Structure formats: structure tokens, C-alpha cells
Amino acid sequence: MLTSYWGLGGCLFTNIFDHFRLGSEQQTGKRLLVLVVVALPPFLLAYSGIASFVNALYFAGTFGGVLMGIIPVLLLNAARRRGDVSSEFVCGWYAHRSVQWLIVATFFFSGVYAVISLFGVLPESW
């Protein structure tokens, strides 16, 4: 379980620095702030009694997956707007804006599903 947590947390940690352009990961103050953002929610879930450590890992994985599905779309569009290097290849229809929104919506609603399932609102068969 711990290695799963480290993998998910490390990935999220690096992506927060990249997405929000926080600079070098070596800056102690920013590093501690991002570490708190990454590490605190799973521990709060685990020790508040809302969820077990396994469920905290589930939520970390879910929201890590949600972010890993959404952030690349945002980075792609930002690179297309502000990039100074021409792309060596161009994607076809599957890079269309509507497909991007479908991907973002799928990942976003999977996060919403995870939160709703935490509170037991969904039917047992789901």
C-alpha cells in the first residue's frame, strides 16, 4: 500500500509543479507546500474515520487518475497556444476539441462518482 501511495503522490507532486509553473522542485518552501497538498487529504480521510487507509489510497488513485487525465489536455492546449516549436506530427480527429472535452468530462465524472460512492448515495448494485 505504501508503495502505491508513494507512486501516486510522487506523480501528483511533479505534475502540480509543472502545471502551476512553480519553478524548481528543489525550492524548500514550495516543496513543503505542495507536499502538504499531496499528502494531507489521504491522511485526513484515513484518520478522520470517513475512510480506511485503503480507501484513502483509492481516493488518491482516483483523483490522481482524474488529474492525470485532465492535466495533459490542458498542457497540450497551452503548448499549442504558446509553443515556439512546431509540432513534428499532427493528430487527426481524435485531438479535436470535442474529443478533449469528452476525455475531461469522463475523468471529471469518475471523480464525482468516487465522492458520491463515499457517502453511500449510490445503489448497492453500482
N, C-alpha and C. Protein backbone atom coordinates (compact mmCIF):
# COMPACT_ATOMS: atom_id res chain seq x y z
N MET A 1 0.83 -1.20 0.00
CA MET A 1 0.00 0.00 0.00
C MET A 1 0.86 1.25 0.00
N LEU A 2 1.94 1.20 0.76
CA LEU A 2 2.79 2.37 0.87
C LEU A 2 3.44 2.71 -0.47
N THR A 3 3.87 1.70 -1.21
CA THR A 3 4.50 1.98 -2.50
C THR A 3 3.48 2.57 -3.47
N SER A 4 2.23 2.14 -3.39
CA SER A 4 1.19 2.74 -4.23
C SER A 4 1.01 4.20 -3.87
N TYR A 5 0.98 4.47 -2.58
CA TYR A 5 0.82 5.86 -2.13
C TYR A 5 1.99 6.72 -2.59
N TRP A 6 3.21 6.19 -2.47
CA TRP A 6 4.39 6.95 -2.90
C TRP A 6 4.35 7.22 -4.40
N GLY A 7 3.98 6.21 -5.18
CA GLY A 7 3.92 6.39 -6.63
C GLY A 7 2.89 7.43 -7.04
N LEU A 8 1.70 7.32 -6.47
CA LEU A 8 0.65 8.29 -6.79
C LEU A 8 1.01 9.68 -6.32
N GLY A 9 1.53 9.77 -5.10
CA GLY A 9 1.90 11.07 -4.55
C GLY A 9 3.04 11.71 -5.31
N GLY A 10 4.04 10.94 -5.69
CA GLY A 10 5.17 11.48 -6.44
C GLY A 10 4.76 12.00 -7.80
N CYS A 11 3.88 11.27 -8.45
CA CYS A 11 3.38 11.70 -9.76
C CYS A 11 2.58 12.99 -9.64
N LEU A 12 1.70 13.04 -8.66
CA LEU A 12 0.89 14.23 -8.45
C LEU A 12 1.76 15.42 -8.05
N PHE A 13 2.76 15.17 -7.21
CA PHE A 13 3.69 16.20 -6.75
C PHE A 13 4.37 16.88 -7.95
N THR A 14 4.93 16.09 -8.83
CA THR A 14 5.63 16.63 -10.01
C THR A 14 4.68 17.35 -10.94
N ASN A 15 3.50 16.80 -11.13
CA ASN A 15 2.54 17.43 -12.04
C ASN A 15 2.02 18.76 -11.49
N ILE A 16 1.90 18.90 -10.20
CA ILE A 16 1.48 20.18 -9.63
C ILE A 16 2.54 21.24 -9.92
N PHE A 17 3.81 20.89 -9.75
CA PHE A 17 4.89 21.83 -10.07
C PHE A 17 4.84 22.22 -11.55
N ASP A 18 4.66 21.24 -12.42
CA ASP A 18 4.64 21.51 -13.86
C ASP A 18 3.43 22.34 -14.27
N HIS A 19 2.26 21.93 -13.82
CA HIS A 19 1.03 22.59 -14.27
C HIS A 19 0.93 24.03 -13.77
N PHE A 20 1.27 24.26 -12.54
CA PHE A 20 1.15 25.60 -11.97
C PHE A 20 2.42 26.43 -12.11
N ARG A 21 3.39 25.88 -12.86
CA ARG A 21 4.65 26.58 -13.14
C ARG A 21 5.27 27.14 -11.85
N LEU A 22 5.49 26.27 -10.89
CA LEU A 22 6.02 26.69 -9.60
C LEU A 22 7.54 26.77 -9.58
N GLY A 23 8.18 26.47 -10.69
CA GLY A 23 9.63 26.54 -10.75
C GLY A 23 10.26 25.21 -10.37
N SER A 24 11.44 25.31 -9.80
CA SER A 24 12.20 24.13 -9.45
C SER A 24 11.59 23.40 -8.26
N GLU A 25 11.64 22.08 -8.32
CA GLU A 25 11.15 21.27 -7.21
C GLU A 25 12.14 21.27 -6.05
N GLN A 26 13.26 21.91 -6.21
CA GLN A 26 14.29 21.95 -5.17
C GLN A 26 14.07 23.07 -4.15
N GLN A 27 13.12 23.98 -4.42
CA GLN A 27 12.84 25.09 -3.50
C GLN A 27 12.09 24.54 -2.29
N THR A 28 12.71 24.66 -1.13
CA THR A 28 12.20 24.02 0.08
C THR A 28 10.79 24.48 0.45
N GLY A 29 10.52 25.77 0.43
CA GLY A 29 9.21 26.28 0.81
C GLY A 29 8.10 25.76 -0.09
N LYS A 30 8.31 25.87 -1.39
CA LYS A 30 7.30 25.38 -2.34
C LYS A 30 7.16 23.86 -2.25
N ARG A 31 8.28 23.20 -2.05
CA ARG A 31 8.26 21.75 -1.95
C ARG A 31 7.41 21.30 -0.76
N LEU A 32 7.56 21.96 0.38
CA LEU A 32 6.77 21.62 1.56
C LEU A 32 5.29 21.92 1.35
N LEU A 33 4.98 23.04 0.72
CA LEU A 33 3.59 23.40 0.47
C LEU A 33 2.91 22.37 -0.43
N VAL A 34 3.57 22.00 -1.51
CA VAL A 34 3.00 21.01 -2.43
C VAL A 34 2.92 19.64 -1.75
N LEU A 35 3.89 19.31 -0.93
CA LEU A 35 3.86 18.05 -0.20
C LEU A 35 2.65 17.99 0.73
N VAL A 36 2.33 19.10 1.38
CA VAL A 36 1.14 19.15 2.24
C VAL A 36 -0.13 18.95 1.41
N VAL A 37 -0.19 19.61 0.24
CA VAL A 37 -1.36 19.49 -0.63
C VAL A 37 -1.54 18.05 -1.10
N VAL A 38 -0.43 17.37 -1.37
CA VAL A 38 -0.50 15.99 -1.86
C VAL A 38 -0.75 14.99 -0.73
N ALA A 39 -0.10 15.17 0.41
CA ALA A 39 -0.13 14.16 1.46
C ALA A 39 -1.26 14.32 2.47
N LEU A 40 -1.70 15.53 2.71
CA LEU A 40 -2.68 15.76 3.77
C LEU A 40 -4.06 15.15 3.50
N PRO A 41 -4.65 15.32 2.32
CA PRO A 41 -6.00 14.75 2.11
C PRO A 41 -6.12 13.25 2.38
N PRO A 42 -5.21 12.40 1.88
CA PRO A 42 -5.36 10.96 2.21
C PRO A 42 -5.25 10.67 3.70
N PHE A 43 -4.35 11.37 4.39
CA PHE A 43 -4.24 11.14 5.83
C PHE A 43 -5.48 11.64 6.57
N LEU A 44 -6.05 12.75 6.14
CA LEU A 44 -7.28 13.23 6.76
C LEU A 44 -8.41 12.23 6.57
N LEU A 45 -8.50 11.67 5.37
CA LEU A 45 -9.52 10.66 5.12
C LEU A 45 -9.30 9.43 6.00
N ALA A 46 -8.06 9.00 6.10
CA ALA A 46 -7.75 7.78 6.85
C ALA A 46 -7.98 7.94 8.35
N TYR A 47 -7.58 9.09 8.90
CA TYR A 47 -7.64 9.26 10.35
C TYR A 47 -8.91 9.96 10.85
N SER A 48 -9.75 10.44 9.95
CA SER A 48 -10.99 11.08 10.37
C SER A 48 -12.10 10.05 10.62
N GLY A 49 -11.88 8.84 10.15
CA GLY A 49 -12.90 7.81 10.30
C GLY A 49 -13.84 7.76 9.09
N ILE A 50 -13.67 8.70 8.18
CA ILE A 50 -14.51 8.68 6.97
C ILE A 50 -14.15 7.49 6.09
N ALA A 51 -12.85 7.20 6.01
CA ALA A 51 -12.41 6.12 5.15
C ALA A 51 -11.18 5.45 5.77
N SER A 52 -10.96 4.19 5.39
CA SER A 52 -9.78 3.48 5.85
C SER A 52 -8.57 3.91 5.00
N PHE A 53 -7.39 3.43 5.37
CA PHE A 53 -6.20 3.77 4.60
C PHE A 53 -6.31 3.25 3.18
N VAL A 54 -6.89 2.06 3.02
CA VAL A 54 -7.08 1.50 1.68
C VAL A 54 -8.01 2.40 0.87
N ASN A 55 -9.08 2.88 1.48
CA ASN A 55 -9.98 3.79 0.78
C ASN A 55 -9.30 5.12 0.51
N ALA A 56 -8.43 5.56 1.41
CA ALA A 56 -7.67 6.79 1.16
C ALA A 56 -6.78 6.61 -0.06
N LEU A 57 -6.17 5.43 -0.19
CA LEU A 57 -5.39 5.14 -1.40
C LEU A 57 -6.29 5.11 -2.63
N TYR A 58 -7.48 4.57 -2.47
CA TYR A 58 -8.44 4.55 -3.57
C TYR A 58 -8.73 5.97 -4.04
N PHE A 59 -8.98 6.86 -3.07
CA PHE A 59 -9.29 8.25 -3.45
C PHE A 59 -8.06 8.96 -4.01
N ALA A 60 -6.91 8.68 -3.46
CA ALA A 60 -5.68 9.27 -4.02
C ALA A 60 -5.49 8.79 -5.45
N GLY A 61 -5.71 7.51 -5.68
CA GLY A 61 -5.59 6.97 -7.03
C GLY A 61 -6.65 7.53 -7.96
N THR A 62 -7.86 7.65 -7.46
CA THR A 62 -8.94 8.19 -8.28
C THR A 62 -8.66 9.62 -8.68
N PHE A 63 -8.32 10.45 -7.70
CA PHE A 63 -8.09 11.85 -8.02
C PHE A 63 -6.77 12.06 -8.74
N GLY A 64 -5.80 11.20 -8.45
CA GLY A 64 -4.57 11.24 -9.25
C GLY A 64 -4.88 10.89 -10.70
N GLY A 65 -5.71 9.87 -10.89
CA GLY A 65 -6.12 9.50 -12.24
C GLY A 65 -6.93 10.58 -12.92
N VAL A 66 -7.81 11.22 -12.15
CA VAL A 66 -8.59 12.33 -12.71
C VAL A 66 -7.66 13.43 -13.19
N LEU A 67 -6.71 13.79 -12.35
CA LEU A 67 -5.76 14.85 -12.73
C LEU A 67 -4.87 14.42 -13.88
N MET A 68 -4.45 13.14 -13.90
CA MET A 68 -3.60 12.66 -14.98
C MET A 68 -4.36 12.57 -16.29
N GLY A 69 -5.67 12.55 -16.23
CA GLY A 69 -6.47 12.55 -17.45
C GLY A 69 -6.78 13.96 -17.93
N ILE A 70 -6.87 14.90 -17.02
CA ILE A 70 -7.24 16.28 -17.37
C ILE A 70 -6.03 17.16 -17.65
N ILE A 71 -5.01 17.06 -16.82
CA ILE A 71 -3.84 17.95 -16.97
C ILE A 71 -3.16 17.82 -18.33
N PRO A 72 -2.97 16.61 -18.89
CA PRO A 72 -2.34 16.55 -20.21
C PRO A 72 -3.13 17.30 -21.30
N VAL A 73 -4.45 17.29 -21.20
CA VAL A 73 -5.27 18.04 -22.16
C VAL A 73 -5.00 19.54 -22.01
N LEU A 74 -4.94 20.01 -20.76
CA LEU A 74 -4.65 21.42 -20.52
C LEU A 74 -3.25 21.79 -20.98
N LEU A 75 -2.28 20.93 -20.72
CA LEU A 75 -0.90 21.19 -21.16
C LEU A 75 -0.79 21.19 -22.68
N LEU A 76 -1.49 20.28 -23.33
CA LEU A 76 -1.47 20.23 -24.79
C LEU A 76 -1.99 21.53 -25.38
N ASN A 77 -3.13 22.00 -24.88
CA ASN A 77 -3.70 23.23 -25.41
C ASN A 77 -2.83 24.44 -25.11
N ALA A 78 -2.21 24.48 -23.93
CA ALA A 78 -1.31 25.58 -23.60
C ALA A 78 -0.09 25.56 -24.50
N ALA A 79 0.45 24.37 -24.78
CA ALA A 79 1.61 24.27 -25.67
C ALA A 79 1.25 24.70 -27.08
N ARG A 80 0.06 24.38 -27.51
CA ARG A 80 -0.37 24.80 -28.85
C ARG A 80 -0.53 26.31 -28.94
N ARG A 81 -1.00 26.92 -27.85
CA ARG A 81 -1.18 28.38 -27.85
C ARG A 81 0.13 29.13 -27.75
N ARG A 82 1.00 28.67 -26.83
CA ARG A 82 2.21 29.43 -26.53
C ARG A 82 3.50 28.77 -27.01
N GLY A 83 3.39 27.63 -27.65
CA GLY A 83 4.59 26.90 -28.06
C GLY A 83 5.38 27.64 -29.13
N ASP A 84 6.69 27.55 -29.04
CA ASP A 84 7.54 28.20 -30.03
C ASP A 84 8.16 27.19 -31.00
N VAL A 85 7.80 25.91 -30.84
CA VAL A 85 8.31 24.87 -31.72
C VAL A 85 7.12 24.24 -32.44
N SER A 86 7.23 24.11 -33.74
CA SER A 86 6.17 23.46 -34.50
C SER A 86 6.14 21.97 -34.19
N SER A 87 4.94 21.43 -34.11
CA SER A 87 4.78 20.02 -33.82
C SER A 87 5.30 19.19 -34.99
N GLU A 88 5.97 18.08 -34.67
CA GLU A 88 6.50 17.22 -35.73
C GLU A 88 5.42 16.34 -36.34
N PHE A 89 4.32 16.17 -35.65
CA PHE A 89 3.19 15.44 -36.20
C PHE A 89 1.91 16.09 -35.71
N VAL A 90 0.87 15.86 -36.44
CA VAL A 90 -0.43 16.44 -36.08
C VAL A 90 -1.42 15.29 -35.92
N CYS A 91 -2.10 15.28 -34.81
CA CYS A 91 -3.11 14.25 -34.57
C CYS A 91 -4.33 14.53 -35.43
N GLY A 92 -5.05 13.50 -35.72
CA GLY A 92 -6.25 13.64 -36.54
C GLY A 92 -7.47 14.02 -35.72
N TRP A 93 -8.59 13.41 -36.06
CA TRP A 93 -9.87 13.74 -35.43
C TRP A 93 -9.86 13.53 -33.93
N TYR A 94 -9.06 12.60 -33.44
CA TYR A 94 -9.08 12.29 -32.02
C TYR A 94 -8.43 13.37 -31.16
N ALA A 95 -7.86 14.40 -31.77
CA ALA A 95 -7.34 15.53 -31.00
C ALA A 95 -8.27 16.75 -31.11
N HIS A 96 -9.44 16.54 -31.69
CA HIS A 96 -10.41 17.62 -31.82
C HIS A 96 -10.87 18.08 -30.44
N ARG A 97 -11.25 19.33 -30.35
CA ARG A 97 -11.67 19.92 -29.07
C ARG A 97 -12.81 19.14 -28.43
N SER A 98 -13.75 18.65 -29.21
CA SER A 98 -14.88 17.90 -28.64
C SER A 98 -14.41 16.58 -28.01
N VAL A 99 -13.43 15.93 -28.60
CA VAL A 99 -12.88 14.70 -28.03
C VAL A 99 -12.14 15.03 -26.73
N GLN A 100 -11.42 16.14 -26.72
CA GLN A 100 -10.75 16.56 -25.49
C GLN A 100 -11.75 16.79 -24.37
N TRP A 101 -12.86 17.45 -24.68
CA TRP A 101 -13.88 17.70 -23.66
C TRP A 101 -14.52 16.39 -23.19
N LEU A 102 -14.67 15.44 -24.08
CA LEU A 102 -15.20 14.13 -23.70
C LEU A 102 -14.24 13.43 -22.72
N ILE A 103 -12.96 13.51 -23.00
CA ILE A 103 -11.95 12.92 -22.10
C ILE A 103 -11.99 13.60 -20.74
N VAL A 104 -12.00 14.93 -20.73
CA VAL A 104 -12.03 15.68 -19.47
C VAL A 104 -13.31 15.34 -18.69
N ALA A 105 -14.45 15.30 -19.37
CA ALA A 105 -15.71 15.00 -18.71
C ALA A 105 -15.71 13.58 -18.12
N THR A 106 -15.15 12.62 -18.85
CA THR A 106 -15.09 11.24 -18.36
C THR A 106 -14.29 11.16 -17.06
N PHE A 107 -13.14 11.78 -17.06
CA PHE A 107 -12.30 11.75 -15.85
C PHE A 107 -12.93 12.55 -14.72
N PHE A 108 -13.49 13.70 -15.03
CA PHE A 108 -14.12 14.52 -14.00
C PHE A 108 -15.28 13.78 -13.33
N PHE A 109 -16.15 13.18 -14.14
CA PHE A 109 -17.30 12.49 -13.58
C PHE A 109 -16.91 11.20 -12.86
N SER A 110 -15.77 10.61 -13.19
CA SER A 110 -15.31 9.46 -12.41
C SER A 110 -14.91 9.92 -11.01
N GLY A 111 -14.36 11.12 -10.89
CA GLY A 111 -14.07 11.69 -9.57
C GLY A 111 -15.34 11.99 -8.80
N VAL A 112 -16.33 12.52 -9.48
CA VAL A 112 -17.63 12.79 -8.85
C VAL A 112 -18.26 11.49 -8.38
N TYR A 113 -18.17 10.45 -9.19
CA TYR A 113 -18.70 9.14 -8.82
C TYR A 113 -18.02 8.63 -7.55
N ALA A 114 -16.69 8.80 -7.46
CA ALA A 114 -15.97 8.33 -6.27
C ALA A 114 -16.43 9.05 -5.01
N VAL A 115 -16.65 10.35 -5.12
CA VAL A 115 -17.12 11.12 -3.95
C VAL A 115 -18.53 10.70 -3.57
N ILE A 116 -19.40 10.54 -4.55
CA ILE A 116 -20.78 10.13 -4.27
C ILE A 116 -20.80 8.74 -3.63
N SER A 117 -19.94 7.84 -4.13
CA SER A 117 -19.91 6.49 -3.56
C SER A 117 -19.40 6.50 -2.12
N LEU A 118 -18.55 7.46 -1.77
CA LEU A 118 -18.06 7.57 -0.39
C LEU A 118 -19.20 7.79 0.59
N PHE A 119 -20.19 8.57 0.19
CA PHE A 119 -21.29 8.90 1.08
C PHE A 119 -22.45 7.92 0.99
N GLY A 120 -22.28 6.84 0.21
CA GLY A 120 -23.28 5.79 0.16
C GLY A 120 -24.58 6.19 -0.52
N VAL A 121 -24.51 7.15 -1.41
CA VAL A 121 -25.72 7.62 -2.11
C VAL A 121 -26.11 6.68 -3.27
N LEU A 122 -25.14 6.00 -3.82
CA LEU A 122 -25.40 5.15 -4.99
C LEU A 122 -26.07 3.85 -4.57
N PRO A 123 -26.84 3.27 -5.46
CA PRO A 123 -27.47 1.96 -5.16
C PRO A 123 -26.41 0.89 -4.96
N GLU A 124 -26.74 -0.15 -4.24
CA GLU A 124 -25.79 -1.24 -3.94
C GLU A 124 -25.27 -1.92 -5.20
N SER A 125 -26.06 -1.99 -6.24
CA SER A 125 -25.65 -2.71 -7.45
C SER A 125 -24.56 -1.97 -8.21
N TRP A 126 -24.30 -0.71 -7.89
CA TRP A 126 -23.26 0.04 -8.60
C TRP A 126 -21.95 -0.23 -7.95
